[in-house]
Amino acid sequence: MTKDYLYIDHANNFAQSVGAEAYHPAVCVVHFDELGPIAHTLNKMGDVYAFFVQDNFPTDATYGMGSYNTSTGSLTAASPGQIIGKADDGSRVLYHGWTIHFDAEFMRGTAFEQRLQDYHYFSYNVNEALHTTEGEKQLLWQLMWMIRRFIQHRQPSPQTDRILQDYILLMCDYALLFYQRQFQDAARCQDDLLSRFFRLLTDYYDRDMQLQYGLPSVKYCASCLCLSPSYFGDVVRSVSGESPTQVIQRFLINRAKSLLVSGLSASQTSDSLGFEYPQHFTRFFKKHVGLLPSKYVASQRKS
């Protein structure tokens, strides 16, 4: 069955679909409380970014191929190519909160492009939404109110557009700051995340999965823990100070050392770990240990 998408190719497409006013060709802010009950929409994002900061969201909201639920007082972010929302099922719901959509082209050449690599939340799943505090939510709502008021009373011009771009950057930076607060909270509440991560890696080798799939990847581990790779990476960094890739590399080095000391050759160790070629393993080992595998074994025998 083909899904009926609302194609968000421009910032104002969503506003037009719900009957909200549009005041700027590249930026649109919608206050849901003013609209009354509206239909659900399953939004397919074109070259548009969006933030939704709401007290309530559709149940079983879609992100990509999954369905998730968000709690009250949440922020979700959408980026080009994503599918987010819920298909129209005939019901009408009164939502509380705000959303802002802005064209990617509008932010071209600004600091947004440089900072985008830090805005990991644009690739999070909806079940990894930012659960805002009341103060955070009110601040974000106030900021969107200010943006809408600004575009209501100012005609687009190079000067006003620069101010508007700065507003959007401020919104993005606030979201990043508040997510960092959530990661710190998660670090206190998820002390067992690293132990689960290590158990997952150990289980990977206990089941000989490396023989079929090669080295364990961050994407695989995140999927097993029901997290997106971006969110998984941010939480692991908050808990351990290392990226998931660094954790996996440290695990592989420790396992390689044990296998080498037990009598396996570098080639056998390479196969056992899931490297495609022995020379890849040798380069990896020397990079992280500072010695060739044979030199490492010799140093252990001397000691």
C-alpha atoms as a PDB file:
ATOM      1  CA  MET A   1       0.000   0.000   0.000  1.00  0.00           C
ATOM      2  CA  THR A   2       1.447   3.386  -1.018  1.00  0.00           C
ATOM      3  CA  LYS A   3       1.716   5.932   1.762  1.00  0.00           C
ATOM      4  CA  ASP A   4       0.420   9.459   1.192  1.00  0.00           C
ATOM      5  CA  TYR A   5       3.248  11.791   2.062  1.00  0.00           C
ATOM      6  CA  LEU A   6       3.152  15.514   2.599  1.00  0.00           C
ATOM      7  CA  TYR A   7       6.224  16.584   0.659  1.00  0.00           C
ATOM      8  CA  ILE A   8       8.041  19.357   2.510  1.00  0.00           C
ATOM      9  CA  ASP A   9      10.078  20.815  -0.351  1.00  0.00           C
ATOM     10  CA  HIS A  10       9.920  24.372   0.990  1.00  0.00           C
ATOM     11  CA  ALA A  11       9.682  25.810   4.492  1.00  0.00           C
ATOM     12  CA  ASN A  12       6.084  26.953   4.041  1.00  0.00           C
ATOM     13  CA  ASN A  13       4.661  23.643   2.796  1.00  0.00           C
ATOM     14  CA  PHE A  14       3.773  22.458   6.304  1.00  0.00           C
ATOM     15  CA  ALA A  15       2.109  25.762   7.226  1.00  0.00           C
ATOM     16  CA  GLN A  16       0.038  25.659   4.045  1.00  0.00           C
ATOM     17  CA  SER A  17      -1.110  22.120   4.849  1.00  0.00           C
ATOM     18  CA  VAL A  18      -2.447  23.125   8.297  1.00  0.00           C
ATOM     19  CA  GLY A  19      -3.790  26.539   7.287  1.00  0.00           C
ATOM     20  CA  ALA A  20      -1.206  28.646   9.111  1.00  0.00           C
ATOM     21  CA  GLU A  21       0.089  32.010   7.945  1.00  0.00           C
ATOM     22  CA  ALA A  22       3.422  32.217   6.105  1.00  0.00           C
ATOM     23  CA  TYR A  23       5.475  35.385   6.513  1.00  0.00           C
ATOM     24  CA  HIS A  24       8.844  34.579   4.938  1.00  0.00           C
ATOM     25  CA  PRO A  25       9.732  32.605   1.797  1.00  0.00           C
ATOM     26  CA  ALA A  26      12.429  30.491   3.503  1.00  0.00           C
ATOM     27  CA  VAL A  27      11.423  30.347   7.198  1.00  0.00           C
ATOM     28  CA  CYS A  28       8.087  29.409   8.732  1.00  0.00           C
ATOM     29  CA  VAL A  29       6.962  29.280  12.364  1.00  0.00           C
ATOM     30  CA  VAL A  30       3.674  27.658  13.378  1.00  0.00           C
ATOM     31  CA  HIS A  31       1.965  27.854  16.781  1.00  0.00           C
ATOM     32  CA  PHE A  32      -0.183  24.715  17.020  1.00  0.00           C
ATOM     33  CA  ASP A  33      -2.413  26.084  19.789  1.00  0.00           C
ATOM     34  CA  GLU A  34      -3.813  28.714  17.399  1.00  0.00           C
ATOM     35  CA  LEU A  35      -4.886  26.177  14.784  1.00  0.00           C
ATOM     36  CA  GLY A  36      -7.462  24.097  16.602  1.00  0.00           C
ATOM     37  CA  PRO A  37      -7.641  20.334  15.903  1.00  0.00           C
ATOM     38  CA  ILE A  38      -5.681  19.313  12.794  1.00  0.00           C
ATOM     39  CA  ALA A  39      -5.180  16.155  10.765  1.00  0.00           C
ATOM     40  CA  HIS A  40      -2.056  14.037  11.021  1.00  0.00           C
ATOM     41  CA  THR A  41       0.516  14.355   8.241  1.00  0.00           C
ATOM     42  CA  LEU A  42       3.337  11.993   7.312  1.00  0.00           C
ATOM     43  CA  ASN A  43       6.000  14.454   6.242  1.00  0.00           C
ATOM     44  CA  LYS A  44       8.726  13.626   3.730  1.00  0.00           C
ATOM     45  CA  MET A  45      11.410  16.247   4.171  1.00  0.00           C
ATOM     46  CA  GLY A  46      12.933  17.785   1.061  1.00  0.00           C
ATOM     47  CA  ASP A  47      15.769  20.287   1.426  1.00  0.00           C
ATOM     48  CA  VAL A  48      14.260  21.558   4.671  1.00  0.00           C
ATOM     49  CA  TYR A  49      15.156  21.390   8.376  1.00  0.00           C
ATOM     50  CA  ALA A  50      12.612  21.559  11.191  1.00  0.00           C
ATOM     51  CA  PHE A  51      12.226  21.646  14.960  1.00  0.00           C
ATOM     52  CA  PHE A  52       9.072  20.556  16.763  1.00  0.00           C
ATOM     53  CA  VAL A  53       8.763  21.572  20.437  1.00  0.00           C
ATOM     54  CA  GLN A  54       5.477  20.268  21.778  1.00  0.00           C
ATOM     55  CA  ASP A  55       3.612  19.101  24.836  1.00  0.00           C
ATOM     56  CA  ASN A  56       1.993  16.298  22.849  1.00  0.00           C
ATOM     57  CA  PHE A  57       2.893  14.347  19.730  1.00  0.00           C
ATOM     58  CA  PRO A  58       1.048  11.789  17.604  1.00  0.00           C
ATOM     59  CA  THR A  59       1.104   8.319  19.133  1.00  0.00           C
ATOM     60  CA  ASP A  60       3.324   5.971  17.125  1.00  0.00           C
ATOM     61  CA  ALA A  61       4.985   8.838  15.294  1.00  0.00           C
ATOM     62  CA  THR A  62       7.088   7.673  12.360  1.00  0.00           C
ATOM     63  CA  TYR A  63      10.772   8.322  11.841  1.00  0.00           C
ATOM     64  CA  GLY A  64      12.291   6.493   8.860  1.00  0.00           C
ATOM     65  CA  MET A  65      11.109   2.873   9.045  1.00  0.00           C
ATOM     66  CA  GLY A  66      10.252   2.837  12.760  1.00  0.00           C
ATOM     67  CA  SER A  67       7.399   3.946  14.998  1.00  0.00           C
ATOM     68  CA  TYR A  68       8.031   5.563  18.342  1.00  0.00           C
ATOM     69  CA  ASN A  69       6.336   7.442  21.115  1.00  0.00           C
ATOM     70  CA  THR A  70       7.555  10.677  22.668  1.00  0.00           C
ATOM     71  CA  SER A  71       6.771  12.005  26.101  1.00  0.00           C
ATOM     72  CA  THR A  72       5.296  15.385  26.928  1.00  0.00           C
ATOM     73  CA  GLY A  73       7.602  18.359  26.729  1.00  0.00           C
ATOM     74  CA  SER A  74       9.803  17.085  23.902  1.00  0.00           C
ATOM     75  CA  LEU A  75      11.870  18.454  21.029  1.00  0.00           C
ATOM     76  CA  THR A  76      12.324  16.527  17.811  1.00  0.00           C
ATOM     77  CA  ALA A  77      14.473  17.653  14.877  1.00  0.00           C
ATOM     78  CA  ALA A  78      14.045  16.760  11.214  1.00  0.00           C
ATOM     79  CA  SER A  79      16.508  17.103   8.350  1.00  0.00           C
ATOM     80  CA  PRO A  80      16.466  16.648   4.559  1.00  0.00           C
ATOM     81  CA  GLY A  81      15.524  13.150   3.439  1.00  0.00           C
ATOM     82  CA  GLN A  82      13.780  12.088   6.639  1.00  0.00           C
ATOM     83  CA  ILE A  83      10.204  10.895   7.033  1.00  0.00           C
ATOM     84  CA  ILE A  84       8.539  12.105  10.200  1.00  0.00           C
ATOM     85  CA  GLY A  85       4.991  12.343  11.498  1.00  0.00           C
ATOM     86  CA  LYS A  86       1.933  10.138  11.161  1.00  0.00           C
ATOM     87  CA  ALA A  87      -0.282   9.306   8.191  1.00  0.00           C
ATOM     88  CA  ASP A  88      -3.752  10.835   8.180  1.00  0.00           C
ATOM     89  CA  ASP A  89      -6.143   8.373   9.825  1.00  0.00           C
ATOM     90  CA  GLY A  90      -9.180  10.647   9.729  1.00  0.00           C
ATOM     91  CA  SER A  91      -8.814  11.881  13.299  1.00  0.00           C
ATOM     92  CA  ARG A  92      -8.217  15.492  14.356  1.00  0.00           C
ATOM     93  CA  VAL A  93      -5.980  16.397  17.292  1.00  0.00           C
ATOM     94  CA  LEU A  94      -5.264  19.646  19.127  1.00  0.00           C
ATOM     95  CA  TYR A  95      -1.521  19.952  19.581  1.00  0.00           C
ATOM     96  CA  HIS A  96       0.229  22.255  22.013  1.00  0.00           C
ATOM     97  CA  GLY A  97       3.526  23.791  21.051  1.00  0.00           C
ATOM     98  CA  TRP A  98       5.485  25.266  18.160  1.00  0.00           C
ATOM     99  CA  THR A  99       7.379  24.222  15.067  1.00  0.00           C
ATOM    100  CA  ILE A 100       9.879  26.029  12.865  1.00  0.00           C
ATOM    101  CA  HIS A 101      10.837  24.995   9.321  1.00  0.00           C
ATOM    102  CA  PHE A 102      13.673  26.569   7.362  1.00  0.00           C
ATOM    103  CA  ASP A 103      15.113  25.925   3.922  1.00  0.00           C
ATOM    104  CA  ALA A 104      18.620  24.472   3.855  1.00  0.00           C
ATOM    105  CA  GLU A 105      19.477  26.906   1.059  1.00  0.00           C
ATOM    106  CA  PHE A 106      18.619  29.827   3.344  1.00  0.00           C
ATOM    107  CA  MET A 107      21.420  28.768   5.721  1.00  0.00           C
ATOM    108  CA  ARG A 108      23.954  28.205   2.943  1.00  0.00           C
ATOM    109  CA  GLY A 109      27.233  30.014   3.591  1.00  0.00           C
ATOM    110  CA  THR A 110      26.454  30.661   7.269  1.00  0.00           C
ATOM    111  CA  ALA A 111      28.016  29.160  10.400  1.00  0.00           C
ATOM    112  CA  PHE A 112      25.189  26.607  10.318  1.00  0.00           C
ATOM    113  CA  GLU A 113      27.091  24.599   7.698  1.00  0.00           C
ATOM    114  CA  GLN A 114      30.221  24.489   9.844  1.00  0.00           C
ATOM    115  CA  ARG A 115      28.312  23.614  13.011  1.00  0.00           C
ATOM    116  CA  LEU A 116      26.056  21.028  11.374  1.00  0.00           C
ATOM    117  CA  GLN A 117      28.568  18.273  12.175  1.00  0.00           C
ATOM    118  CA  ASP A 118      27.960  19.067  15.870  1.00  0.00           C
ATOM    119  CA  TYR A 119      24.168  19.041  15.536  1.00  0.00           C
ATOM    120  CA  HIS A 120      23.903  15.249  15.739  1.00  0.00           C
ATOM    121  CA  TYR A 121      20.281  15.513  16.821  1.00  0.00           C
ATOM    122  CA  PHE A 122      19.225  16.014  13.200  1.00  0.00           C
ATOM    123  CA  SER A 123      19.947  12.304  12.704  1.00  0.00           C
ATOM    124  CA  TYR A 124      18.393  11.010  15.933  1.00  0.00           C
ATOM    125  CA  ASN A 125      15.308   8.831  16.058  1.00  0.00           C
ATOM    126  CA  VAL A 126      12.104  10.227  17.509  1.00  0.00           C
ATOM    127  CA  ASN A 127      12.470   7.865  20.464  1.00  0.00           C
ATOM    128  CA  GLU A 128      15.678   9.787  21.161  1.00  0.00           C
ATOM    129  CA  ALA A 129      13.887  13.123  21.356  1.00  0.00           C
ATOM    130  CA  LEU A 130      15.058  15.787  23.771  1.00  0.00           C
ATOM    131  CA  HIS A 131      12.851  15.601  26.844  1.00  0.00           C
ATOM    132  CA  THR A 132      12.907  19.235  27.850  1.00  0.00           C
ATOM    133  CA  THR A 133      12.612  20.680  31.307  1.00  0.00           C
ATOM    134  CA  GLU A 134       9.806  23.183  31.738  1.00  0.00           C
ATOM    135  CA  GLY A 135      12.329  26.044  31.613  1.00  0.00           C
ATOM    136  CA  GLU A 136      13.978  24.711  28.454  1.00  0.00           C
ATOM    137  CA  LYS A 137      10.632  24.262  26.738  1.00  0.00           C
ATOM    138  CA  GLN A 138       9.460  27.768  27.617  1.00  0.00           C
ATOM    139  CA  LEU A 139      12.733  29.275  26.386  1.00  0.00           C
ATOM    140  CA  LEU A 140      12.463  27.481  23.021  1.00  0.00           C
ATOM    141  CA  TRP A 141       8.820  28.492  22.678  1.00  0.00           C
ATOM    142  CA  GLN A 142       9.706  32.096  23.443  1.00  0.00           C
ATOM    143  CA  LEU A 143      12.479  32.018  20.859  1.00  0.00           C
ATOM    144  CA  MET A 144      10.101  30.724  18.173  1.00  0.00           C
ATOM    145  CA  TRP A 145       7.566  33.381  19.169  1.00  0.00           C
ATOM    146  CA  MET A 146      10.283  36.025  18.717  1.00  0.00           C
ATOM    147  CA  ILE A 147      11.254  34.629  15.310  1.00  0.00           C
ATOM    148  CA  ARG A 148       7.655  34.671  14.127  1.00  0.00           C
ATOM    149  CA  ARG A 149       7.110  38.196  15.410  1.00  0.00           C
ATOM    150  CA  PHE A 150      10.305  39.294  13.647  1.00  0.00           C
ATOM    151  CA  ILE A 151       9.266  37.909  10.248  1.00  0.00           C
ATOM    152  CA  GLN A 152       5.726  39.228  10.707  1.00  0.00           C
ATOM    153  CA  HIS A 153       6.960  42.808  10.937  1.00  0.00           C
ATOM    154  CA  ARG A 154      10.096  42.813   8.759  1.00  0.00           C
ATOM    155  CA  GLN A 155      10.302  42.444   5.021  1.00  0.00           C
ATOM    156  CA  PRO A 156      13.038  40.059   3.817  1.00  0.00           C
ATOM    157  CA  SER A 157      16.304  41.860   3.109  1.00  0.00           C
ATOM    158  CA  PRO A 158      20.008  40.980   3.441  1.00  0.00           C
ATOM    159  CA  GLN A 159      20.083  42.672   6.857  1.00  0.00           C
ATOM    160  CA  THR A 160      16.937  41.076   8.258  1.00  0.00           C
ATOM    161  CA  ASP A 161      17.906  37.673   6.810  1.00  0.00           C
ATOM    162  CA  ARG A 162      21.223  37.765   8.655  1.00  0.00           C
ATOM    163  CA  ILE A 163      19.388  38.428  11.916  1.00  0.00           C
ATOM    164  CA  LEU A 164      16.969  35.612  11.122  1.00  0.00           C
ATOM    165  CA  GLN A 165      19.865  33.247  10.394  1.00  0.00           C
ATOM    166  CA  ASP A 166      21.369  34.160  13.764  1.00  0.00           C
ATOM    167  CA  TYR A 167      18.049  33.387  15.455  1.00  0.00           C
ATOM    168  CA  ILE A 168      18.056  29.938  13.831  1.00  0.00           C
ATOM    169  CA  LEU A 169      21.668  29.322  14.881  1.00  0.00           C
ATOM    170  CA  LEU A 170      20.700  30.281  18.432  1.00  0.00           C
ATOM    171  CA  MET A 171      17.849  27.759  18.295  1.00  0.00           C
ATOM    172  CA  CYS A 172      20.246  25.053  17.104  1.00  0.00           C
ATOM    173  CA  ASP A 173      22.798  25.888  19.788  1.00  0.00           C
ATOM    174  CA  TYR A 174      20.162  25.851  22.531  1.00  0.00           C
ATOM    175  CA  ALA A 175      19.040  22.408  21.330  1.00  0.00           C
ATOM    176  CA  LEU A 176      22.641  21.207  21.459  1.00  0.00           C
ATOM    177  CA  LEU A 177      23.096  22.611  24.970  1.00  0.00           C
ATOM    178  CA  PHE A 178      19.905  20.994  26.235  1.00  0.00           C
ATOM    179  CA  TYR A 179      20.799  17.638  24.651  1.00  0.00           C
ATOM    180  CA  GLN A 180      24.135  17.774  26.461  1.00  0.00           C
ATOM    181  CA  ARG A 181      22.208  18.191  29.705  1.00  0.00           C
ATOM    182  CA  GLN A 182      20.160  15.109  28.789  1.00  0.00           C
ATOM    183  CA  PHE A 183      23.339  13.131  28.040  1.00  0.00           C
ATOM    184  CA  GLN A 184      24.706  14.039  31.468  1.00  0.00           C
ATOM    185  CA  ASP A 185      21.448  12.858  33.028  1.00  0.00           C
ATOM    186  CA  ALA A 186      21.691   9.672  30.955  1.00  0.00           C
ATOM    187  CA  ALA A 187      25.257   9.090  32.117  1.00  0.00           C
ATOM    188  CA  ARG A 188      24.060   9.135  35.722  1.00  0.00           C
ATOM    189  CA  CYS A 189      21.120   6.849  34.971  1.00  0.00           C
ATOM    190  CA  GLN A 190      22.820   4.479  32.514  1.00  0.00           C
ATOM    191  CA  ASP A 191      26.005   3.437  34.288  1.00  0.00           C
ATOM    192  CA  ASP A 192      25.551  -0.022  32.794  1.00  0.00           C
ATOM    193  CA  LEU A 193      25.653   1.215  29.183  1.00  0.00           C
ATOM    194  CA  LEU A 194      29.342   0.446  28.774  1.00  0.00           C
ATOM    195  CA  SER A 195      28.972  -2.976  30.367  1.00  0.00           C
ATOM    196  CA  ARG A 196      26.127  -3.758  27.952  1.00  0.00           C
ATOM    197  CA  PHE A 197      28.286  -2.469  25.110  1.00  0.00           C
ATOM    198  CA  PHE A 198      31.163  -4.764  26.127  1.00  0.00           C
ATOM    199  CA  ARG A 199      28.810  -7.733  26.592  1.00  0.00           C
ATOM    200  CA  LEU A 200      27.518  -7.091  23.103  1.00  0.00           C
ATOM    201  CA  LEU A 201      31.059  -7.158  21.686  1.00  0.00           C
ATOM    202  CA  THR A 202      31.938 -10.311  23.603  1.00  0.00           C
ATOM    203  CA  ASP A 203      28.744 -11.981  22.431  1.00  0.00           C
ATOM    204  CA  TYR A 204      29.560 -10.975  18.850  1.00  0.00           C
ATOM    205  CA  TYR A 205      32.725 -13.089  18.990  1.00  0.00           C
ATOM    206  CA  ASP A 206      31.234 -15.866  21.107  1.00  0.00           C
ATOM    207  CA  ARG A 207      28.699 -16.375  18.286  1.00  0.00           C
ATOM    208  CA  ASP A 208      31.455 -16.199  15.620  1.00  0.00           C
ATOM    209  CA  MET A 209      29.650 -13.379  13.859  1.00  0.00           C
ATOM    210  CA  GLN A 210      32.972 -11.945  12.707  1.00  0.00           C
ATOM    211  CA  LEU A 211      33.363 -14.917  10.349  1.00  0.00           C
ATOM    212  CA  GLN A 212      30.336 -13.727   8.390  1.00  0.00           C
ATOM    213  CA  TYR A 213      30.228  -9.984   8.981  1.00  0.00           C
ATOM    214  CA  GLY A 214      33.821  -9.018   9.774  1.00  0.00           C
ATOM    215  CA  LEU A 215      34.650  -6.515  12.496  1.00  0.00           C
ATOM    216  CA  PRO A 216      31.797  -5.271  14.708  1.00  0.00           C
ATOM    217  CA  SER A 217      30.580  -1.821  13.669  1.00  0.00           C
ATOM    218  CA  VAL A 218      29.163   1.113  15.603  1.00  0.00           C
ATOM    219  CA  LYS A 219      25.983   0.857  13.519  1.00  0.00           C
ATOM    220  CA  TYR A 220      25.519  -2.799  14.505  1.00  0.00           C
ATOM    221  CA  CYS A 221      26.073  -2.110  18.207  1.00  0.00           C
ATOM    222  CA  ALA A 222      23.744   0.899  18.212  1.00  0.00           C
ATOM    223  CA  SER A 223      21.042  -1.127  16.477  1.00  0.00           C
ATOM    224  CA  CYS A 224      21.299  -3.923  19.051  1.00  0.00           C
ATOM    225  CA  LEU A 225      20.870  -1.348  21.816  1.00  0.00           C
ATOM    226  CA  CYS A 226      17.875   0.220  19.990  1.00  0.00           C
ATOM    227  CA  LEU A 227      19.653   3.539  19.434  1.00  0.00           C
ATOM    228  CA  SER A 228      20.637   5.498  16.366  1.00  0.00           C
ATOM    229  CA  PRO A 229      24.425   5.628  15.763  1.00  0.00           C
ATOM    230  CA  SER A 230      24.524   9.383  16.427  1.00  0.00           C
ATOM    231  CA  TYR A 231      22.675   9.227  19.749  1.00  0.00           C
ATOM    232  CA  PHE A 232      24.609   6.112  20.774  1.00  0.00           C
ATOM    233  CA  GLY A 233      27.856   7.941  20.094  1.00  0.00           C
ATOM    234  CA  ASP A 234      26.862  10.980  22.118  1.00  0.00           C
ATOM    235  CA  VAL A 235      25.745   8.922  25.114  1.00  0.00           C
ATOM    236  CA  VAL A 236      28.893   6.743  25.055  1.00  0.00           C
ATOM    237  CA  ARG A 237      31.065   9.875  24.982  1.00  0.00           C
ATOM    238  CA  SER A 238      29.178  11.263  27.981  1.00  0.00           C
ATOM    239  CA  VAL A 239      29.613   8.028  29.928  1.00  0.00           C
ATOM    240  CA  SER A 240      33.190   7.105  28.988  1.00  0.00           C
ATOM    241  CA  GLY A 241      34.873  10.094  27.359  1.00  0.00           C
ATOM    242  CA  GLU A 242      35.521   7.901  24.296  1.00  0.00           C
ATOM    243  CA  SER A 243      33.681   7.468  21.019  1.00  0.00           C
ATOM    244  CA  PRO A 244      32.094   4.059  20.280  1.00  0.00           C
ATOM    245  CA  THR A 245      34.772   3.520  17.618  1.00  0.00           C
ATOM    246  CA  GLN A 246      37.493   4.033  20.229  1.00  0.00           C
ATOM    247  CA  VAL A 247      35.750   1.612  22.612  1.00  0.00           C
ATOM    248  CA  ILE A 248      35.570  -1.033  19.876  1.00  0.00           C
ATOM    249  CA  GLN A 249      39.216  -0.460  18.957  1.00  0.00           C
ATOM    250  CA  ARG A 250      40.295  -0.832  22.585  1.00  0.00           C
ATOM    251  CA  PHE A 251      38.263  -4.047  22.845  1.00  0.00           C
ATOM    252  CA  LEU A 252      39.908  -5.416  19.674  1.00  0.00           C
ATOM    253  CA  ILE A 253      43.410  -4.556  20.875  1.00  0.00           C
ATOM    254  CA  ASN A 254      42.879  -6.277  24.226  1.00  0.00           C
ATOM    255  CA  ARG A 255      41.429  -9.330  22.512  1.00  0.00           C
ATOM    256  CA  ALA A 256      44.285  -9.362  19.978  1.00  0.00           C
ATOM    257  CA  LYS A 257      46.895  -9.227  22.746  1.00  0.00           C
ATOM    258  CA  SER A 258      45.295 -12.180  24.509  1.00  0.00           C
ATOM    259  CA  LEU A 259      45.160 -14.230  21.294  1.00  0.00           C
ATOM    260  CA  LEU A 260      48.786 -13.444  20.398  1.00  0.00           C
ATOM    261  CA  VAL A 261      50.069 -14.297  23.872  1.00  0.00           C
ATOM    262  CA  SER A 262      48.094 -17.565  23.787  1.00  0.00           C
ATOM    263  CA  GLY A 263      50.187 -18.670  20.813  1.00  0.00           C
ATOM    264  CA  LEU A 264      48.191 -17.634  17.751  1.00  0.00           C
ATOM    265  CA  SER A 265      50.127 -16.131  14.868  1.00  0.00           C
ATOM    266  CA  ALA A 266      49.359 -12.627  13.572  1.00  0.00           C
ATOM    267  CA  SER A 267      47.542 -14.185  10.602  1.00  0.00           C
ATOM    268  CA  GLN A 268      45.452 -16.462  12.830  1.00  0.00           C
ATOM    269  CA  THR A 269      44.645 -13.539  15.165  1.00  0.00           C
ATOM    270  CA  SER A 270      43.618 -11.446  12.174  1.00  0.00           C
ATOM    271  CA  ASP A 271      41.212 -14.165  11.014  1.00  0.00           C
ATOM    272  CA  SER A 272      39.878 -14.704  14.514  1.00  0.00           C
ATOM    273  CA  LEU A 273      39.052 -11.001  14.912  1.00  0.00           C
ATOM    274  CA  GLY A 274      37.434 -10.652  11.496  1.00  0.00           C
ATOM    275  CA  PHE A 275      39.974  -8.534   9.620  1.00  0.00           C
ATOM    276  CA  GLU A 276      39.736  -8.919   5.868  1.00  0.00           C
ATOM    277  CA  TYR A 277      43.505  -9.162   5.379  1.00  0.00           C
ATOM    278  CA  PRO A 278      46.362  -9.942   7.829  1.00  0.00           C
ATOM    279  CA  GLN A 279      48.253  -6.813   6.767  1.00  0.00           C
ATOM    280  CA  HIS A 280      45.257  -4.693   7.799  1.00  0.00           C
ATOM    281  CA  PHE A 281      45.433  -6.228  11.266  1.00  0.00           C
ATOM    282  CA  THR A 282      49.194  -5.686  11.460  1.00  0.00           C
ATOM    283  CA  ARG A 283      48.851  -1.979  10.601  1.00  0.00           C
ATOM    284  CA  PHE A 284      45.960  -1.606  13.060  1.00  0.00           C
ATOM    285  CA  PHE A 285      47.919  -3.275  15.866  1.00  0.00           C
ATOM    286  CA  LYS A 286      51.098  -1.264  15.279  1.00  0.00           C
ATOM    287  CA  LYS A 287      49.122   1.994  15.144  1.00  0.00           C
ATOM    288  CA  HIS A 288      47.517   1.388  18.548  1.00  0.00           C
ATOM    289  CA  VAL A 289      50.246  -0.541  20.382  1.00  0.00           C
ATOM    290  CA  GLY A 290      53.339   0.934  18.769  1.00  0.00           C
ATOM    291  CA  LEU A 291      54.765  -2.514  17.994  1.00  0.00           C
ATOM    292  CA  LEU A 292      54.320  -5.120  15.311  1.00  0.00           C
ATOM    293  CA  PRO A 293      52.455  -8.203  16.610  1.00  0.00           C
ATOM    294  CA  SER A 294      55.650 -10.278  16.513  1.00  0.00           C
ATOM    295  CA  LYS A 295      57.562  -7.607  18.470  1.00  0.00           C
ATOM    296  CA  TYR A 296      54.775  -7.417  21.036  1.00  0.00           C
ATOM    297  CA  VAL A 297      54.875 -11.193  21.588  1.00  0.00           C
ATOM    298  CA  ALA A 298      58.661 -11.069  21.927  1.00  0.00           C
ATOM    299  CA  SER A 299      58.395  -8.265  24.492  1.00  0.00           C
ATOM    300  CA  GLN A 300      55.935 -10.307  26.546  1.00  0.00           C
ATOM    301  CA  ARG A 301      58.231 -13.326  26.549  1.00  0.00           C
ATOM    302  CA  LYS A 302      61.124 -11.210  27.829  1.00  0.00           C
ATOM    303  CA  SER A 303      59.027  -9.892  30.676  1.00  0.00           C
END
